[in-house]
Amino acid sequence: MHSEIAAEARLRAEGGETGHAPKKKKKYSRNEALTAYLCLLPSFALLTIFTVVPLLISLYFSFFEINHYLGNTFVGFQNYAKVLGGILSGDFYKSILIGLEFVLIIVPLQLVLSFLVANLVMKINRKYSAIIKICIYLPCLLSGIVVGAIFSFLYNYDGGFFNTVLNAIGLGSVNWTGAKGWAIFAVCIAALWNGLGYNTLVMLGGLYDIPVDYYEAAKLDGANWWKQTIYITIPSLKNIGLYLLISLVVSSFQLYEIPLVIVGAGAQHSTEGPIYYLYYQFNYTRNMGEVYSASLLVAIVLTALSSVIFKLTSSEKSQD
């Protein structure tokens, strides 16, 4: 009897008796949608003012030869031709390659180190882990200029901390900031120290979100730490890892303040990435149109890098 009543109610809900399809329930009410748009409005306004508008202005002026005394002259794609295939092309391509070097060195090391440190913090008692989190995050509060100044003292050839240690153990001094082979690693070490705290805390938040039941079930099946990491931890951190990967690629490719302070124009210009190239052109070129076109080309390279990463990782939303 109860089953017949339930079946009849189901038919009515599905429109079985009337022959009409069931009405689709509205996803959001008008008030809810309005509230959501109002909440998003400040973000869209800031994005438009500080990103979209400057981008459009740069695009417009990239087609002009800009002279503050004679006025602007429309030159079409000549500025892009100069950057890509003209006098400036050698420095532009070199800066792109240096930016990619920063990405290849910093990103893998930063991801691995932040993952290991986050796991270490999880194993420590929560009372002491709070102090460790604060200590880890402190370098993130320093600007790139300050970090560069600190490491400039550490890398000093005569009396710097690193060379003092090397001399104490019987090894010779290293020209950290002057030698081409060492300069890029000196910059990367400083960048790693500066960003490790933030990436570790983001990774730690992802680790805390993984249900403990997963690990308990794995232990019952005899899985050791390595298998738990490979089959539970890393897959569960997929979205966190993708976020850190994209942000690290962008920040590493745009690394500018730290190499400017530590190395400057030394070490055969081996640490002058894309932003350093734009800074130099901005200060010394006579035609600002070339700077606008070069900045847009750098933005295109960054967009292409991000698109490739998304394509390779095939990111999906979490099902939790």
C-alpha atoms as a PDB file:
ATOM      1  CA  MET A   1       0.000   0.000   0.000  1.00  0.00           C
ATOM      2  CA  HIS A   2       2.739   2.412   1.000  1.00  0.00           C
ATOM      3  CA  SER A   3       4.761   1.547  -2.095  1.00  0.00           C
ATOM      4  CA  GLU A   4       1.763   2.310  -4.367  1.00  0.00           C
ATOM      5  CA  ILE A   5       1.253   5.693  -2.706  1.00  0.00           C
ATOM      6  CA  ALA A   6       4.955   6.488  -3.054  1.00  0.00           C
ATOM      7  CA  ALA A   7       4.913   5.501  -6.736  1.00  0.00           C
ATOM      8  CA  GLU A   8       1.821   7.628  -7.375  1.00  0.00           C
ATOM      9  CA  ALA A   9       3.429  10.626  -5.659  1.00  0.00           C
ATOM     10  CA  ARG A  10       6.578  10.153  -7.757  1.00  0.00           C
ATOM     11  CA  LEU A  11       4.510  10.089 -10.958  1.00  0.00           C
ATOM     12  CA  ARG A  12       2.732  13.274  -9.995  1.00  0.00           C
ATOM     13  CA  ALA A  13       6.046  14.963  -9.190  1.00  0.00           C
ATOM     14  CA  GLU A  14       7.415  13.964 -12.581  1.00  0.00           C
ATOM     15  CA  GLY A  15       4.239  15.066 -14.367  1.00  0.00           C
ATOM     16  CA  GLY A  16       3.190  11.522 -15.191  1.00  0.00           C
ATOM     17  CA  GLU A  17      -0.562  12.078 -14.875  1.00  0.00           C
ATOM     18  CA  THR A  18      -0.733  15.441 -16.588  1.00  0.00           C
ATOM     19  CA  GLY A  19       1.752  14.533 -19.296  1.00  0.00           C
ATOM     20  CA  HIS A  20       3.768  17.706 -18.646  1.00  0.00           C
ATOM     21  CA  ALA A  21       7.485  17.698 -17.995  1.00  0.00           C
ATOM     22  CA  PRO A  22       8.495  18.547 -14.455  1.00  0.00           C
ATOM     23  CA  LYS A  23       9.238  22.197 -13.894  1.00  0.00           C
ATOM     24  CA  LYS A  24      12.891  23.055 -13.551  1.00  0.00           C
ATOM     25  CA  LYS A  25      13.722  24.589 -10.262  1.00  0.00           C
ATOM     26  CA  LYS A  26      15.405  27.964 -10.531  1.00  0.00           C
ATOM     27  CA  LYS A  27      19.021  27.800  -9.515  1.00  0.00           C
ATOM     28  CA  TYR A  28      19.140  31.205  -7.849  1.00  0.00           C
ATOM     29  CA  SER A  29      16.480  33.743  -6.970  1.00  0.00           C
ATOM     30  CA  ARG A  30      16.709  37.298  -8.277  1.00  0.00           C
ATOM     31  CA  ASN A  31      17.789  38.643  -4.873  1.00  0.00           C
ATOM     32  CA  GLU A  32      20.525  36.036  -4.549  1.00  0.00           C
ATOM     33  CA  ALA A  33      21.837  36.808  -8.052  1.00  0.00           C
ATOM     34  CA  LEU A  34      21.753  40.561  -7.325  1.00  0.00           C
ATOM     35  CA  THR A  35      23.652  40.043  -4.074  1.00  0.00           C
ATOM     36  CA  ALA A  36      26.284  37.967  -5.874  1.00  0.00           C
ATOM     37  CA  TYR A  37      26.752  40.637  -8.570  1.00  0.00           C
ATOM     38  CA  LEU A  38      27.056  43.374  -5.953  1.00  0.00           C
ATOM     39  CA  CYS A  39      29.722  41.369  -4.120  1.00  0.00           C
ATOM     40  CA  LEU A  40      31.658  40.859  -7.367  1.00  0.00           C
ATOM     41  CA  LEU A  41      31.301  44.480  -8.494  1.00  0.00           C
ATOM     42  CA  PRO A  42      34.287  45.904  -6.504  1.00  0.00           C
ATOM     43  CA  SER A  43      36.577  43.188  -7.855  1.00  0.00           C
ATOM     44  CA  PHE A  44      35.434  43.783 -11.429  1.00  0.00           C
ATOM     45  CA  ALA A  45      35.796  47.551 -10.971  1.00  0.00           C
ATOM     46  CA  LEU A  46      39.370  47.228  -9.667  1.00  0.00           C
ATOM     47  CA  LEU A  47      40.226  44.743 -12.416  1.00  0.00           C
ATOM     48  CA  THR A  48      38.878  47.125 -15.049  1.00  0.00           C
ATOM     49  CA  ILE A  49      40.620  50.218 -13.664  1.00  0.00           C
ATOM     50  CA  PHE A  50      44.024  48.688 -12.948  1.00  0.00           C
ATOM     51  CA  THR A  51      44.254  45.927 -15.582  1.00  0.00           C
ATOM     52  CA  VAL A  52      41.860  46.258 -18.516  1.00  0.00           C
ATOM     53  CA  VAL A  53      42.160  50.030 -19.014  1.00  0.00           C
ATOM     54  CA  PRO A  54      46.008  50.115 -18.810  1.00  0.00           C
ATOM     55  CA  LEU A  55      46.113  47.133 -21.173  1.00  0.00           C
ATOM     56  CA  LEU A  56      43.974  48.940 -23.745  1.00  0.00           C
ATOM     57  CA  ILE A  57      46.035  52.119 -23.370  1.00  0.00           C
ATOM     58  CA  SER A  58      49.269  50.142 -23.877  1.00  0.00           C
ATOM     59  CA  LEU A  59      47.802  48.445 -26.929  1.00  0.00           C
ATOM     60  CA  TYR A  60      46.846  51.824 -28.421  1.00  0.00           C
ATOM     61  CA  PHE A  61      50.223  53.508 -27.853  1.00  0.00           C
ATOM     62  CA  SER A  62      52.171  50.442 -29.041  1.00  0.00           C
ATOM     63  CA  PHE A  63      51.249  51.446 -32.616  1.00  0.00           C
ATOM     64  CA  PHE A  64      52.820  54.910 -32.281  1.00  0.00           C
ATOM     65  CA  GLU A  65      56.305  56.313 -32.223  1.00  0.00           C
ATOM     66  CA  ILE A  66      56.066  58.445 -29.113  1.00  0.00           C
ATOM     67  CA  ASN A  67      58.151  61.586 -28.956  1.00  0.00           C
ATOM     68  CA  HIS A  68      57.436  64.048 -26.157  1.00  0.00           C
ATOM     69  CA  TYR A  69      58.742  66.961 -28.231  1.00  0.00           C
ATOM     70  CA  LEU A  70      57.578  66.200 -31.785  1.00  0.00           C
ATOM     71  CA  GLY A  71      54.347  64.394 -30.900  1.00  0.00           C
ATOM     72  CA  ASN A  72      53.142  60.859 -31.672  1.00  0.00           C
ATOM     73  CA  THR A  73      53.421  59.299 -35.120  1.00  0.00           C
ATOM     74  CA  PHE A  74      51.431  56.245 -36.164  1.00  0.00           C
ATOM     75  CA  VAL A  75      53.864  53.501 -37.252  1.00  0.00           C
ATOM     76  CA  GLY A  76      51.656  50.391 -37.209  1.00  0.00           C
ATOM     77  CA  PHE A  77      53.558  47.241 -36.255  1.00  0.00           C
ATOM     78  CA  GLN A  78      57.029  48.785 -36.565  1.00  0.00           C
ATOM     79  CA  ASN A  79      57.546  48.803 -32.785  1.00  0.00           C
ATOM     80  CA  TYR A  80      56.750  45.079 -32.599  1.00  0.00           C
ATOM     81  CA  ALA A  81      59.127  44.444 -35.520  1.00  0.00           C
ATOM     82  CA  LYS A  82      61.930  46.275 -33.700  1.00  0.00           C
ATOM     83  CA  VAL A  83      61.390  44.244 -30.545  1.00  0.00           C
ATOM     84  CA  LEU A  84      61.048  40.867 -32.283  1.00  0.00           C
ATOM     85  CA  GLY A  85      63.363  41.200 -35.252  1.00  0.00           C
ATOM     86  CA  GLY A  86      65.247  44.467 -35.026  1.00  0.00           C
ATOM     87  CA  ILE A  87      67.928  46.078 -32.934  1.00  0.00           C
ATOM     88  CA  LEU A  88      66.195  45.265 -29.639  1.00  0.00           C
ATOM     89  CA  SER A  89      65.429  41.629 -30.448  1.00  0.00           C
ATOM     90  CA  GLY A  90      68.646  40.166 -29.017  1.00  0.00           C
ATOM     91  CA  ASP A  91      68.103  41.688 -25.581  1.00  0.00           C
ATOM     92  CA  PHE A  92      64.371  40.834 -25.639  1.00  0.00           C
ATOM     93  CA  TYR A  93      64.871  37.144 -26.445  1.00  0.00           C
ATOM     94  CA  LYS A  94      67.699  36.912 -23.922  1.00  0.00           C
ATOM     95  CA  SER A  95      65.465  38.356 -21.197  1.00  0.00           C
ATOM     96  CA  ILE A  96      62.724  35.827 -22.030  1.00  0.00           C
ATOM     97  CA  LEU A  97      65.218  32.958 -21.756  1.00  0.00           C
ATOM     98  CA  ILE A  98      66.491  34.278 -18.421  1.00  0.00           C
ATOM     99  CA  GLY A  99      62.892  34.487 -17.168  1.00  0.00           C
ATOM    100  CA  LEU A 100      62.377  30.850 -18.192  1.00  0.00           C
ATOM    101  CA  GLU A 101      65.587  29.918 -16.339  1.00  0.00           C
ATOM    102  CA  PHE A 102      64.162  31.481 -13.175  1.00  0.00           C
ATOM    103  CA  VAL A 103      60.963  29.468 -13.688  1.00  0.00           C
ATOM    104  CA  LEU A 104      62.793  26.165 -14.231  1.00  0.00           C
ATOM    105  CA  ILE A 105      64.958  26.629 -11.123  1.00  0.00           C
ATOM    106  CA  ILE A 106      62.618  28.308  -8.630  1.00  0.00           C
ATOM    107  CA  VAL A 107      59.256  26.632  -9.315  1.00  0.00           C
ATOM    108  CA  PRO A 108      60.212  22.939  -8.786  1.00  0.00           C
ATOM    109  CA  LEU A 109      62.374  23.733  -5.754  1.00  0.00           C
ATOM    110  CA  GLN A 110      59.714  25.953  -4.215  1.00  0.00           C
ATOM    111  CA  LEU A 111      56.966  23.340  -4.660  1.00  0.00           C
ATOM    112  CA  VAL A 112      59.084  20.508  -3.230  1.00  0.00           C
ATOM    113  CA  LEU A 113      60.436  22.530  -0.300  1.00  0.00           C
ATOM    114  CA  SER A 114      57.034  23.968   0.652  1.00  0.00           C
ATOM    115  CA  PHE A 115      55.505  20.478   0.506  1.00  0.00           C
ATOM    116  CA  LEU A 116      58.238  18.974   2.723  1.00  0.00           C
ATOM    117  CA  VAL A 117      58.174  21.846   5.232  1.00  0.00           C
ATOM    118  CA  ALA A 118      54.353  21.729   5.392  1.00  0.00           C
ATOM    119  CA  ASN A 119      54.476  18.004   6.162  1.00  0.00           C
ATOM    120  CA  LEU A 120      57.091  18.652   8.830  1.00  0.00           C
ATOM    121  CA  VAL A 121      54.941  21.345  10.470  1.00  0.00           C
ATOM    122  CA  MET A 122      51.980  18.939  10.523  1.00  0.00           C
ATOM    123  CA  LYS A 123      54.002  16.419  12.510  1.00  0.00           C
ATOM    124  CA  ILE A 124      54.882  18.982  15.186  1.00  0.00           C
ATOM    125  CA  ASN A 125      52.677  19.674  18.173  1.00  0.00           C
ATOM    126  CA  ARG A 126      50.115  22.387  17.353  1.00  0.00           C
ATOM    127  CA  LYS A 127      51.317  24.486  20.290  1.00  0.00           C
ATOM    128  CA  TYR A 128      54.790  24.819  18.768  1.00  0.00           C
ATOM    129  CA  SER A 129      53.691  24.697  15.114  1.00  0.00           C
ATOM    130  CA  ALA A 130      52.056  28.142  15.495  1.00  0.00           C
ATOM    131  CA  ILE A 131      55.448  29.654  16.395  1.00  0.00           C
ATOM    132  CA  ILE A 132      57.085  27.857  13.460  1.00  0.00           C
ATOM    133  CA  LYS A 133      54.414  29.155  11.060  1.00  0.00           C
ATOM    134  CA  ILE A 134      55.086  32.726  12.171  1.00  0.00           C
ATOM    135  CA  CYS A 135      58.849  32.285  11.760  1.00  0.00           C
ATOM    136  CA  ILE A 136      58.401  30.739   8.323  1.00  0.00           C
ATOM    137  CA  TYR A 137      56.094  33.513   7.142  1.00  0.00           C
ATOM    138  CA  LEU A 138      58.220  36.453   8.369  1.00  0.00           C
ATOM    139  CA  PRO A 139      60.440  36.642   5.220  1.00  0.00           C
ATOM    140  CA  CYS A 140      57.284  37.068   3.101  1.00  0.00           C
ATOM    141  CA  LEU A 141      56.667  40.414   4.809  1.00  0.00           C
ATOM    142  CA  LEU A 142      59.908  41.782   3.355  1.00  0.00           C
ATOM    143  CA  SER A 143      59.935  43.453  -0.046  1.00  0.00           C
ATOM    144  CA  GLY A 144      62.219  42.262  -2.820  1.00  0.00           C
ATOM    145  CA  ILE A 145      64.445  45.313  -2.293  1.00  0.00           C
ATOM    146  CA  VAL A 146      65.012  44.449   1.383  1.00  0.00           C
ATOM    147  CA  VAL A 147      65.607  40.764   0.585  1.00  0.00           C
ATOM    148  CA  GLY A 148      68.114  41.772  -2.089  1.00  0.00           C
ATOM    149  CA  ALA A 149      69.919  44.055   0.371  1.00  0.00           C
ATOM    150  CA  ILE A 150      70.117  41.283   3.011  1.00  0.00           C
ATOM    151  CA  PHE A 151      71.535  38.744   0.578  1.00  0.00           C
ATOM    152  CA  SER A 152      73.937  41.302  -0.876  1.00  0.00           C
ATOM    153  CA  PHE A 153      75.653  41.361   2.518  1.00  0.00           C
ATOM    154  CA  LEU A 154      75.562  37.570   2.742  1.00  0.00           C
ATOM    155  CA  TYR A 155      77.068  37.218  -0.758  1.00  0.00           C
ATOM    156  CA  ASN A 156      79.767  39.872  -0.237  1.00  0.00           C
ATOM    157  CA  TYR A 157      83.045  38.587  -1.644  1.00  0.00           C
ATOM    158  CA  ASP A 158      85.142  40.018   1.211  1.00  0.00           C
ATOM    159  CA  GLY A 159      83.652  39.194   4.595  1.00  0.00           C
ATOM    160  CA  GLY A 160      80.225  37.944   3.484  1.00  0.00           C
ATOM    161  CA  PHE A 161      78.639  35.175   5.550  1.00  0.00           C
ATOM    162  CA  PHE A 162      78.738  32.491   2.841  1.00  0.00           C
ATOM    163  CA  ASN A 163      82.359  33.136   1.861  1.00  0.00           C
ATOM    164  CA  THR A 164      83.364  33.279   5.536  1.00  0.00           C
ATOM    165  CA  VAL A 165      81.891  29.794   6.028  1.00  0.00           C
ATOM    166  CA  LEU A 166      83.574  28.498   2.864  1.00  0.00           C
ATOM    167  CA  ASN A 167      86.937  29.870   3.973  1.00  0.00           C
ATOM    168  CA  ALA A 168      86.463  28.381   7.453  1.00  0.00           C
ATOM    169  CA  ILE A 169      86.094  24.860   6.007  1.00  0.00           C
ATOM    170  CA  GLY A 170      89.052  25.286   3.677  1.00  0.00           C
ATOM    171  CA  LEU A 171      87.284  26.247   0.449  1.00  0.00           C
ATOM    172  CA  GLY A 172      87.957  29.421  -1.468  1.00  0.00           C
ATOM    173  CA  SER A 173      85.678  32.417  -1.785  1.00  0.00           C
ATOM    174  CA  VAL A 174      83.005  32.411  -4.494  1.00  0.00           C
ATOM    175  CA  ASN A 175      82.100  35.427  -6.589  1.00  0.00           C
ATOM    176  CA  TRP A 176      78.370  34.957  -6.009  1.00  0.00           C
ATOM    177  CA  THR A 177      77.172  38.110  -7.718  1.00  0.00           C
ATOM    178  CA  GLY A 178      79.881  38.646 -10.340  1.00  0.00           C
ATOM    179  CA  ALA A 179      80.303  35.239 -11.956  1.00  0.00           C
ATOM    180  CA  LYS A 180      77.762  34.338 -14.625  1.00  0.00           C
ATOM    181  CA  GLY A 181      77.348  30.743 -13.426  1.00  0.00           C
ATOM    182  CA  TRP A 182      76.758  31.663  -9.783  1.00  0.00           C
ATOM    183  CA  ALA A 183      74.707  34.849 -10.101  1.00  0.00           C
ATOM    184  CA  ILE A 184      71.450  33.243 -11.230  1.00  0.00           C
ATOM    185  CA  PHE A 185      71.617  30.676  -8.405  1.00  0.00           C
ATOM    186  CA  ALA A 186      72.339  33.459  -5.903  1.00  0.00           C
ATOM    187  CA  VAL A 187      69.183  35.248  -7.041  1.00  0.00           C
ATOM    188  CA  CYS A 188      67.112  32.036  -6.964  1.00  0.00           C
ATOM    189  CA  ILE A 189      68.210  31.207  -3.395  1.00  0.00           C
ATOM    190  CA  ALA A 190      67.078  34.648  -2.227  1.00  0.00           C
ATOM    191  CA  ALA A 191      63.764  34.289  -4.068  1.00  0.00           C
ATOM    192  CA  LEU A 192      63.202  30.841  -2.523  1.00  0.00           C
ATOM    193  CA  TRP A 193      63.792  32.201   0.976  1.00  0.00           C
ATOM    194  CA  ASN A 194      61.467  35.143   0.334  1.00  0.00           C
ATOM    195  CA  GLY A 195      58.524  33.052  -0.921  1.00  0.00           C
ATOM    196  CA  LEU A 196      58.846  29.799   1.010  1.00  0.00           C
ATOM    197  CA  GLY A 197      56.652  30.877   3.945  1.00  0.00           C
ATOM    198  CA  TYR A 198      53.608  31.828   1.879  1.00  0.00           C
ATOM    199  CA  ASN A 199      53.742  28.702  -0.269  1.00  0.00           C
ATOM    200  CA  THR A 200      54.240  26.510   2.793  1.00  0.00           C
ATOM    201  CA  LEU A 201      51.155  27.941   4.538  1.00  0.00           C
ATOM    202  CA  VAL A 202      49.033  27.472   1.406  1.00  0.00           C
ATOM    203  CA  MET A 203      50.259  23.893   1.124  1.00  0.00           C
ATOM    204  CA  LEU A 204      49.626  23.380   4.836  1.00  0.00           C
ATOM    205  CA  GLY A 205      46.023  24.530   4.452  1.00  0.00           C
ATOM    206  CA  GLY A 206      45.556  21.939   1.718  1.00  0.00           C
ATOM    207  CA  LEU A 207      47.020  19.211   3.922  1.00  0.00           C
ATOM    208  CA  TYR A 208      44.670  20.082   6.786  1.00  0.00           C
ATOM    209  CA  ASP A 209      41.704  19.716   4.408  1.00  0.00           C
ATOM    210  CA  ILE A 210      42.500  16.083   3.585  1.00  0.00           C
ATOM    211  CA  PRO A 211      40.251  13.815   5.721  1.00  0.00           C
ATOM    212  CA  VAL A 212      42.163  11.780   8.318  1.00  0.00           C
ATOM    213  CA  ASP A 213      39.979   8.763   7.447  1.00  0.00           C
ATOM    214  CA  TYR A 214      41.866   8.360   4.176  1.00  0.00           C
ATOM    215  CA  TYR A 215      45.165   7.833   5.992  1.00  0.00           C
ATOM    216  CA  GLU A 216      43.651   5.560   8.625  1.00  0.00           C
ATOM    217  CA  ALA A 217      42.167   3.312   5.936  1.00  0.00           C
ATOM    218  CA  ALA A 218      45.505   3.295   4.089  1.00  0.00           C
ATOM    219  CA  LYS A 219      47.352   2.283   7.277  1.00  0.00           C
ATOM    220  CA  LEU A 220      44.951  -0.598   7.783  1.00  0.00           C
ATOM    221  CA  ASP A 221      45.810  -1.753   4.259  1.00  0.00           C
ATOM    222  CA  GLY A 222      49.514  -1.612   5.119  1.00  0.00           C
ATOM    223  CA  ALA A 223      50.430   1.503   3.106  1.00  0.00           C
ATOM    224  CA  ASN A 224      53.607   3.255   4.253  1.00  0.00           C
ATOM    225  CA  TRP A 225      54.283   7.021   4.225  1.00  0.00           C
ATOM    226  CA  TRP A 226      55.543   6.999   0.642  1.00  0.00           C
ATOM    227  CA  LYS A 227      52.451   5.220  -0.725  1.00  0.00           C
ATOM    228  CA  GLN A 228      50.150   7.473   1.310  1.00  0.00           C
ATOM    229  CA  THR A 229      51.905  10.505  -0.177  1.00  0.00           C
ATOM    230  CA  ILE A 230      51.725   9.231  -3.770  1.00  0.00           C
ATOM    231  CA  TYR A 231      48.153   7.902  -3.735  1.00  0.00           C
ATOM    232  CA  ILE A 232      46.419  10.180  -1.191  1.00  0.00           C
ATOM    233  CA  THR A 233      48.288  13.409  -0.414  1.00  0.00           C
ATOM    234  CA  ILE A 234      49.446  14.505  -3.875  1.00  0.00           C
ATOM    235  CA  PRO A 235      46.132  13.761  -5.682  1.00  0.00           C
ATOM    236  CA  SER A 236      44.216  15.573  -2.921  1.00  0.00           C
ATOM    237  CA  LEU A 237      46.463  18.627  -3.349  1.00  0.00           C
ATOM    238  CA  LYS A 238      45.896  18.837  -7.107  1.00  0.00           C
ATOM    239  CA  ASN A 239      44.004  22.142  -7.075  1.00  0.00           C
ATOM    240  CA  ILE A 240      46.282  23.693  -4.443  1.00  0.00           C
ATOM    241  CA  GLY A 241      49.307  22.577  -6.452  1.00  0.00           C
ATOM    242  CA  LEU A 242      47.903  24.077  -9.643  1.00  0.00           C
ATOM    243  CA  TYR A 243      47.272  27.417  -7.929  1.00  0.00           C
ATOM    244  CA  LEU A 244      50.822  27.497  -6.536  1.00  0.00           C
ATOM    245  CA  LEU A 245      52.261  26.378  -9.873  1.00  0.00           C
ATOM    246  CA  ILE A 246      50.594  29.201 -11.807  1.00  0.00           C
ATOM    247  CA  SER A 247      51.422  31.871  -9.214  1.00  0.00           C
ATOM    248  CA  LEU A 248      55.046  30.695  -8.958  1.00  0.00           C
ATOM    249  CA  VAL A 249      55.513  30.652 -12.735  1.00  0.00           C
ATOM    250  CA  VAL A 250      54.183  34.205 -13.029  1.00  0.00           C
ATOM    251  CA  SER A 251      56.186  35.577 -10.078  1.00  0.00           C
ATOM    252  CA  SER A 252      59.419  33.793 -11.097  1.00  0.00           C
ATOM    253  CA  PHE A 253      59.142  34.944 -14.712  1.00  0.00           C
ATOM    254  CA  GLN A 254      58.620  38.527 -13.504  1.00  0.00           C
ATOM    255  CA  LEU A 255      61.439  38.440 -10.929  1.00  0.00           C
ATOM    256  CA  TYR A 256      62.985  41.891 -10.928  1.00  0.00           C
ATOM    257  CA  GLU A 257      63.714  43.574  -7.590  1.00  0.00           C
ATOM    258  CA  ILE A 258      65.939  40.840  -6.125  1.00  0.00           C
ATOM    259  CA  PRO A 259      68.272  40.508  -9.161  1.00  0.00           C
ATOM    260  CA  LEU A 260      68.338  44.313  -9.521  1.00  0.00           C
ATOM    261  CA  VAL A 261      69.706  44.757  -5.985  1.00  0.00           C
ATOM    262  CA  ILE A 262      71.916  41.652  -5.736  1.00  0.00           C
ATOM    263  CA  VAL A 263      73.474  41.574  -9.209  1.00  0.00           C
ATOM    264  CA  GLY A 264      72.351  44.681 -11.072  1.00  0.00           C
ATOM    265  CA  ALA A 265      73.958  44.897 -14.519  1.00  0.00           C
ATOM    266  CA  GLY A 266      76.843  42.630 -13.484  1.00  0.00           C
ATOM    267  CA  ALA A 267      77.553  38.966 -14.191  1.00  0.00           C
ATOM    268  CA  GLN A 268      77.398  39.663 -17.949  1.00  0.00           C
ATOM    269  CA  HIS A 269      73.725  40.652 -17.668  1.00  0.00           C
ATOM    270  CA  SER A 270      72.841  37.027 -16.843  1.00  0.00           C
ATOM    271  CA  THR A 271      70.022  37.870 -14.393  1.00  0.00           C
ATOM    272  CA  GLU A 272      68.179  40.538 -16.390  1.00  0.00           C
ATOM    273  CA  GLY A 273      64.737  39.027 -16.953  1.00  0.00           C
ATOM    274  CA  PRO A 274      61.796  40.467 -18.922  1.00  0.00           C
ATOM    275  CA  ILE A 275      60.790  43.077 -16.317  1.00  0.00           C
ATOM    276  CA  TYR A 276      64.407  44.207 -15.974  1.00  0.00           C
ATOM    277  CA  TYR A 277      64.498  44.553 -19.778  1.00  0.00           C
ATOM    278  CA  LEU A 278      61.348  46.702 -19.719  1.00  0.00           C
ATOM    279  CA  TYR A 279      62.797  48.807 -16.900  1.00  0.00           C
ATOM    280  CA  TYR A 280      65.973  49.431 -18.890  1.00  0.00           C
ATOM    281  CA  GLN A 281      64.076  50.299 -22.077  1.00  0.00           C
ATOM    282  CA  PHE A 282      61.753  52.609 -20.149  1.00  0.00           C
ATOM    283  CA  ASN A 283      64.704  54.596 -18.814  1.00  0.00           C
ATOM    284  CA  TYR A 284      66.924  54.712 -21.896  1.00  0.00           C
ATOM    285  CA  THR A 285      64.809  54.376 -25.056  1.00  0.00           C
ATOM    286  CA  ARG A 286      63.651  57.458 -26.934  1.00  0.00           C
ATOM    287  CA  ASN A 287      60.490  55.811 -28.229  1.00  0.00           C
ATOM    288  CA  MET A 288      58.074  54.731 -25.529  1.00  0.00           C
ATOM    289  CA  GLY A 289      55.997  52.898 -28.148  1.00  0.00           C
ATOM    290  CA  GLU A 290      58.658  50.173 -28.165  1.00  0.00           C
ATOM    291  CA  VAL A 291      58.270  49.768 -24.402  1.00  0.00           C
ATOM    292  CA  TYR A 292      54.499  49.403 -24.738  1.00  0.00           C
ATOM    293  CA  SER A 293      54.863  46.788 -27.474  1.00  0.00           C
ATOM    294  CA  ALA A 294      57.527  44.871 -25.515  1.00  0.00           C
ATOM    295  CA  SER A 295      55.360  44.836 -22.368  1.00  0.00           C
ATOM    296  CA  LEU A 296      52.436  43.403 -24.348  1.00  0.00           C
ATOM    297  CA  LEU A 297      54.685  40.723 -25.833  1.00  0.00           C
ATOM    298  CA  VAL A 298      55.837  39.764 -22.326  1.00  0.00           C
ATOM    299  CA  ALA A 299      52.171  39.532 -21.276  1.00  0.00           C
ATOM    300  CA  ILE A 300      51.490  37.259 -24.261  1.00  0.00           C
ATOM    301  CA  VAL A 301      54.377  34.968 -23.256  1.00  0.00           C
ATOM    302  CA  LEU A 302      53.024  34.762 -19.685  1.00  0.00           C
ATOM    303  CA  THR A 303      49.524  33.992 -20.949  1.00  0.00           C
ATOM    304  CA  ALA A 304      50.906  31.272 -23.211  1.00  0.00           C
ATOM    305  CA  LEU A 305      52.846  29.729 -20.301  1.00  0.00           C
ATOM    306  CA  SER A 306      49.741  29.686 -18.106  1.00  0.00           C
ATOM    307  CA  SER A 307      47.648  28.168 -20.910  1.00  0.00           C
ATOM    308  CA  VAL A 308      50.196  25.393 -21.462  1.00  0.00           C
ATOM    309  CA  ILE A 309      50.212  24.596 -17.737  1.00  0.00           C
ATOM    310  CA  PHE A 310      46.404  24.409 -17.630  1.00  0.00           C
ATOM    311  CA  LYS A 311      46.414  22.188 -20.698  1.00  0.00           C
ATOM    312  CA  LEU A 312      49.055  19.820 -19.355  1.00  0.00           C
ATOM    313  CA  THR A 313      47.518  19.505 -15.908  1.00  0.00           C
ATOM    314  CA  SER A 314      43.921  19.193 -17.200  1.00  0.00           C
ATOM    315  CA  SER A 315      42.637  20.793 -14.010  1.00  0.00           C
ATOM    316  CA  GLU A 316      39.248  19.718 -12.716  1.00  0.00           C
ATOM    317  CA  LYS A 317      37.226  21.089  -9.844  1.00  0.00           C
ATOM    318  CA  SER A 318      37.339  19.211  -6.603  1.00  0.00           C
ATOM    319  CA  GLN A 319      34.464  16.812  -6.067  1.00  0.00           C
ATOM    320  CA  ASP A 320      34.444  17.239  -2.291  1.00  0.00           C
END
